[in-house]
Amino acid sequence: MADESTQSIVIDAAPEQVLAVIADFAAYPEWANGIKRTEVLETGPDGRPAQVRFNIDQGPIKDEYVLAYRWADDGVSWELVRGTMQKSQQGSYRLTARGGATEVTYTLSVQLVVPMIGLFRRKAEKMIMDTALKELKRRVENAG
């Protein structure tokens, strides 16, 4: 991933619990900021979502896009299949067990159809990641 942003958080749960919440796309509208609707379009041989459509509405930013997912024991990575406002998106969650907790490292790179100065894009990515990690932590720890 060229020109990416990375951020981490520690969640008080086992990696399997964190990965289960990440994989439960149907529940995203309940807890993930701005996500209004999700739809699993394709499931992989392991039974996990392979392609997911998202509809987001975050004030001035409205988008519909499809991500393709690759699952591993230590996390998940994804890339944009198609979108209206995005030209590309690559990201990943890497999970590392830390005793009874899990360190989640989120890496993200987004390119919009409309050009954006790199500094502003990285700032937006960091804000997106910060919010997503805090919401993921809250969801996982409240479920446990």
C-alpha atoms as a PDB file:
ATOM      1  CA  MET A   1       0.000   0.000   0.000  1.00  0.00           C
ATOM      2  CA  ALA A   2       1.513   3.279  -1.056  1.00  0.00           C
ATOM      3  CA  ASP A   3       1.071   6.314   1.176  1.00  0.00           C
ATOM      4  CA  GLU A   4      -0.856   4.584   3.935  1.00  0.00           C
ATOM      5  CA  SER A   5      -1.855   5.475   7.487  1.00  0.00           C
ATOM      6  CA  THR A   6      -1.549   3.094  10.438  1.00  0.00           C
ATOM      7  CA  GLN A   7      -2.990   3.166  13.939  1.00  0.00           C
ATOM      8  CA  SER A   8      -3.350   0.637  16.786  1.00  0.00           C
ATOM      9  CA  ILE A   9      -5.534   0.014  19.823  1.00  0.00           C
ATOM     10  CA  VAL A  10      -5.660  -2.679  22.521  1.00  0.00           C
ATOM     11  CA  ILE A  11      -9.018  -4.418  23.005  1.00  0.00           C
ATOM     12  CA  ASP A  12      -9.791  -6.396  26.149  1.00  0.00           C
ATOM     13  CA  ALA A  13     -10.818  -9.596  24.331  1.00  0.00           C
ATOM     14  CA  ALA A  14      -9.309 -12.590  22.551  1.00  0.00           C
ATOM     15  CA  PRO A  15      -8.360 -12.219  18.851  1.00  0.00           C
ATOM     16  CA  GLU A  16     -11.156 -14.634  17.840  1.00  0.00           C
ATOM     17  CA  GLN A  17     -13.755 -12.376  19.501  1.00  0.00           C
ATOM     18  CA  VAL A  18     -12.384  -9.298  17.742  1.00  0.00           C
ATOM     19  CA  LEU A  19     -12.304 -11.072  14.357  1.00  0.00           C
ATOM     20  CA  ALA A  20     -15.901 -12.279  14.862  1.00  0.00           C
ATOM     21  CA  VAL A  21     -17.099  -8.681  15.332  1.00  0.00           C
ATOM     22  CA  ILE A  22     -15.093  -7.527  12.279  1.00  0.00           C
ATOM     23  CA  ALA A  23     -16.650 -10.320  10.172  1.00  0.00           C
ATOM     24  CA  ASP A  24     -20.236  -9.557  11.302  1.00  0.00           C
ATOM     25  CA  PHE A  25     -20.956  -7.017   8.558  1.00  0.00           C
ATOM     26  CA  ALA A  26     -24.734  -7.211   9.068  1.00  0.00           C
ATOM     27  CA  ALA A  27     -24.267  -5.551  12.476  1.00  0.00           C
ATOM     28  CA  TYR A  28     -22.079  -2.647  11.247  1.00  0.00           C
ATOM     29  CA  PRO A  29     -25.005  -0.186  10.901  1.00  0.00           C
ATOM     30  CA  GLU A  30     -25.669  -0.712  14.649  1.00  0.00           C
ATOM     31  CA  TRP A  31     -22.227   0.485  15.745  1.00  0.00           C
ATOM     32  CA  ALA A  32     -19.986   1.742  12.917  1.00  0.00           C
ATOM     33  CA  ASN A  33     -20.171   5.515  12.383  1.00  0.00           C
ATOM     34  CA  GLY A  34     -21.772   6.515   9.088  1.00  0.00           C
ATOM     35  CA  ILE A  35     -22.454   3.001   7.788  1.00  0.00           C
ATOM     36  CA  LYS A  36     -26.132   2.888   6.874  1.00  0.00           C
ATOM     37  CA  ARG A  37     -26.329  -0.468   5.108  1.00  0.00           C
ATOM     38  CA  THR A  38     -24.170  -3.480   4.322  1.00  0.00           C
ATOM     39  CA  GLU A  39     -24.763  -6.460   2.081  1.00  0.00           C
ATOM     40  CA  VAL A  40     -22.601  -9.558   1.762  1.00  0.00           C
ATOM     41  CA  LEU A  41     -22.450 -10.176  -1.986  1.00  0.00           C
ATOM     42  CA  GLU A  42     -20.178 -13.208  -1.947  1.00  0.00           C
ATOM     43  CA  THR A  43     -18.998 -15.701   0.654  1.00  0.00           C
ATOM     44  CA  GLY A  44     -15.633 -17.451   0.502  1.00  0.00           C
ATOM     45  CA  PRO A  45     -15.003 -21.204   0.890  1.00  0.00           C
ATOM     46  CA  ASP A  46     -14.320 -20.632   4.605  1.00  0.00           C
ATOM     47  CA  GLY A  47     -17.842 -19.222   5.052  1.00  0.00           C
ATOM     48  CA  ARG A  48     -16.585 -15.689   5.700  1.00  0.00           C
ATOM     49  CA  PRO A  49     -17.648 -12.709   3.579  1.00  0.00           C
ATOM     50  CA  ALA A  50     -15.535 -12.348   0.430  1.00  0.00           C
ATOM     51  CA  GLN A  51     -17.265  -9.274  -1.056  1.00  0.00           C
ATOM     52  CA  VAL A  52     -19.364  -6.733   0.827  1.00  0.00           C
ATOM     53  CA  ARG A  53     -21.301  -3.678  -0.376  1.00  0.00           C
ATOM     54  CA  PHE A  54     -21.361  -0.645   1.929  1.00  0.00           C
ATOM     55  CA  ASN A  55     -23.599   2.417   1.913  1.00  0.00           C
ATOM     56  CA  ILE A  56     -22.183   5.262   3.989  1.00  0.00           C
ATOM     57  CA  ASP A  57     -23.594   8.647   4.887  1.00  0.00           C
ATOM     58  CA  GLN A  58     -21.345  10.897   6.946  1.00  0.00           C
ATOM     59  CA  GLY A  59     -22.826  14.324   6.346  1.00  0.00           C
ATOM     60  CA  PRO A  60     -21.288  15.657   3.140  1.00  0.00           C
ATOM     61  CA  ILE A  61     -19.748  12.260   2.323  1.00  0.00           C
ATOM     62  CA  LYS A  62     -22.136   9.744   0.830  1.00  0.00           C
ATOM     63  CA  ASP A  63     -20.824   6.697  -0.976  1.00  0.00           C
ATOM     64  CA  GLU A  64     -21.636   3.194  -2.086  1.00  0.00           C
ATOM     65  CA  TYR A  65     -18.720   0.831  -2.597  1.00  0.00           C
ATOM     66  CA  VAL A  66     -17.764  -2.850  -2.663  1.00  0.00           C
ATOM     67  CA  LEU A  67     -14.758  -4.313  -0.869  1.00  0.00           C
ATOM     68  CA  ALA A  68     -13.118  -7.717  -1.453  1.00  0.00           C
ATOM     69  CA  TYR A  69     -11.795  -9.419   1.711  1.00  0.00           C
ATOM     70  CA  ARG A  70      -8.931 -11.860   2.377  1.00  0.00           C
ATOM     71  CA  TRP A  71      -9.117 -13.517   5.788  1.00  0.00           C
ATOM     72  CA  ALA A  72      -6.214 -14.945   7.805  1.00  0.00           C
ATOM     73  CA  ASP A  73      -5.801 -16.270  11.341  1.00  0.00           C
ATOM     74  CA  ASP A  74      -4.170 -12.996  12.391  1.00  0.00           C
ATOM     75  CA  GLY A  75      -6.611 -10.602  10.721  1.00  0.00           C
ATOM     76  CA  VAL A  76      -8.135  -9.488   7.465  1.00  0.00           C
ATOM     77  CA  SER A  77      -7.191  -7.314   4.504  1.00  0.00           C
ATOM     78  CA  TRP A  78      -9.338  -5.758   1.817  1.00  0.00           C
ATOM     79  CA  GLU A  79      -9.323  -3.783  -1.390  1.00  0.00           C
ATOM     80  CA  LEU A  80     -11.836  -1.754  -3.340  1.00  0.00           C
ATOM     81  CA  VAL A  81     -13.696  -3.589  -6.116  1.00  0.00           C
ATOM     82  CA  ARG A  82     -15.781  -0.579  -7.156  1.00  0.00           C
ATOM     83  CA  GLY A  83     -17.001   2.669  -5.681  1.00  0.00           C
ATOM     84  CA  THR A  84     -18.561   5.973  -6.608  1.00  0.00           C
ATOM     85  CA  MET A  85     -16.355   8.411  -4.657  1.00  0.00           C
ATOM     86  CA  GLN A  86     -13.277   6.201  -4.259  1.00  0.00           C
ATOM     87  CA  LYS A  87     -10.712   5.329  -6.898  1.00  0.00           C
ATOM     88  CA  SER A  88      -8.933   2.859  -4.606  1.00  0.00           C
ATOM     89  CA  GLN A  89      -8.969   1.605  -1.046  1.00  0.00           C
ATOM     90  CA  GLN A  90      -6.663  -0.903   0.584  1.00  0.00           C
ATOM     91  CA  GLY A  91      -6.725  -1.736   4.243  1.00  0.00           C
ATOM     92  CA  SER A  92      -6.146  -4.332   6.894  1.00  0.00           C
ATOM     93  CA  TYR A  93      -6.732  -5.226  10.512  1.00  0.00           C
ATOM     94  CA  ARG A  94      -3.829  -7.220  12.017  1.00  0.00           C
ATOM     95  CA  LEU A  95      -4.535  -8.872  15.367  1.00  0.00           C
ATOM     96  CA  THR A  96      -1.817  -9.709  17.899  1.00  0.00           C
ATOM     97  CA  ALA A  97      -2.618 -11.513  21.157  1.00  0.00           C
ATOM     98  CA  ARG A  98      -1.358  -9.607  24.223  1.00  0.00           C
ATOM     99  CA  GLY A  99      -2.141 -11.838  27.200  1.00  0.00           C
ATOM    100  CA  GLY A 100      -5.937 -11.771  27.527  1.00  0.00           C
ATOM    101  CA  ALA A 101      -6.198  -8.786  25.190  1.00  0.00           C
ATOM    102  CA  THR A 102      -5.658  -8.130  21.487  1.00  0.00           C
ATOM    103  CA  GLU A 103      -3.679  -5.381  19.812  1.00  0.00           C
ATOM    104  CA  VAL A 104      -5.473  -4.366  16.617  1.00  0.00           C
ATOM    105  CA  THR A 105      -3.392  -2.545  13.998  1.00  0.00           C
ATOM    106  CA  TYR A 106      -5.452  -0.829  11.311  1.00  0.00           C
ATOM    107  CA  THR A 107      -3.733   0.202   8.065  1.00  0.00           C
ATOM    108  CA  LEU A 108      -5.616   2.216   5.449  1.00  0.00           C
ATOM    109  CA  SER A 109      -4.942   3.879   2.109  1.00  0.00           C
ATOM    110  CA  VAL A 110      -7.758   5.625   0.229  1.00  0.00           C
ATOM    111  CA  GLN A 111      -7.718   7.529  -3.046  1.00  0.00           C
ATOM    112  CA  LEU A 112     -10.807   9.509  -3.933  1.00  0.00           C
ATOM    113  CA  VAL A 113     -12.090  10.178  -7.447  1.00  0.00           C
ATOM    114  CA  VAL A 114     -11.711  13.897  -6.673  1.00  0.00           C
ATOM    115  CA  PRO A 115      -8.041  14.698  -6.002  1.00  0.00           C
ATOM    116  CA  MET A 116      -7.158  15.567  -2.413  1.00  0.00           C
ATOM    117  CA  ILE A 117      -3.896  16.977  -1.091  1.00  0.00           C
ATOM    118  CA  GLY A 118      -1.902  14.181   0.580  1.00  0.00           C
ATOM    119  CA  LEU A 119      -1.760  15.936   3.953  1.00  0.00           C
ATOM    120  CA  PHE A 120      -5.562  16.273   4.084  1.00  0.00           C
ATOM    121  CA  ARG A 121      -6.065  12.699   2.878  1.00  0.00           C
ATOM    122  CA  ARG A 122      -3.788  11.313   5.598  1.00  0.00           C
ATOM    123  CA  LYS A 123      -5.543  13.439   8.220  1.00  0.00           C
ATOM    124  CA  ALA A 124      -8.936  12.103   7.030  1.00  0.00           C
ATOM    125  CA  GLU A 125      -7.598   8.511   7.066  1.00  0.00           C
ATOM    126  CA  LYS A 126      -6.322   8.965  10.628  1.00  0.00           C
ATOM    127  CA  MET A 127      -9.688  10.349  11.745  1.00  0.00           C
ATOM    128  CA  ILE A 128     -11.532   7.440  10.073  1.00  0.00           C
ATOM    129  CA  MET A 129      -9.162   4.917  11.695  1.00  0.00           C
ATOM    130  CA  ASP A 130      -9.340   6.518  15.141  1.00  0.00           C
ATOM    131  CA  THR A 131     -13.150   6.451  15.083  1.00  0.00           C
ATOM    132  CA  ALA A 132     -13.300   2.908  13.667  1.00  0.00           C
ATOM    133  CA  LEU A 133     -10.870   1.497  16.243  1.00  0.00           C
ATOM    134  CA  LYS A 134     -12.659   3.148  19.181  1.00  0.00           C
ATOM    135  CA  GLU A 135     -16.042   1.917  17.928  1.00  0.00           C
ATOM    136  CA  LEU A 136     -14.660  -1.615  17.355  1.00  0.00           C
ATOM    137  CA  LYS A 137     -13.198  -1.635  20.888  1.00  0.00           C
ATOM    138  CA  ARG A 138     -16.504  -0.480  22.402  1.00  0.00           C
ATOM    139  CA  ARG A 139     -18.505  -3.070  20.408  1.00  0.00           C
ATOM    140  CA  VAL A 140     -16.215  -6.007  21.255  1.00  0.00           C
ATOM    141  CA  GLU A 141     -15.799  -5.138  24.949  1.00  0.00           C
ATOM    142  CA  ASN A 142     -19.541  -4.491  25.433  1.00  0.00           C
ATOM    143  CA  ALA A 143     -20.405  -7.798  23.761  1.00  0.00           C
ATOM    144  CA  GLY A 144     -18.122  -9.732  26.110  1.00  0.00           C
END
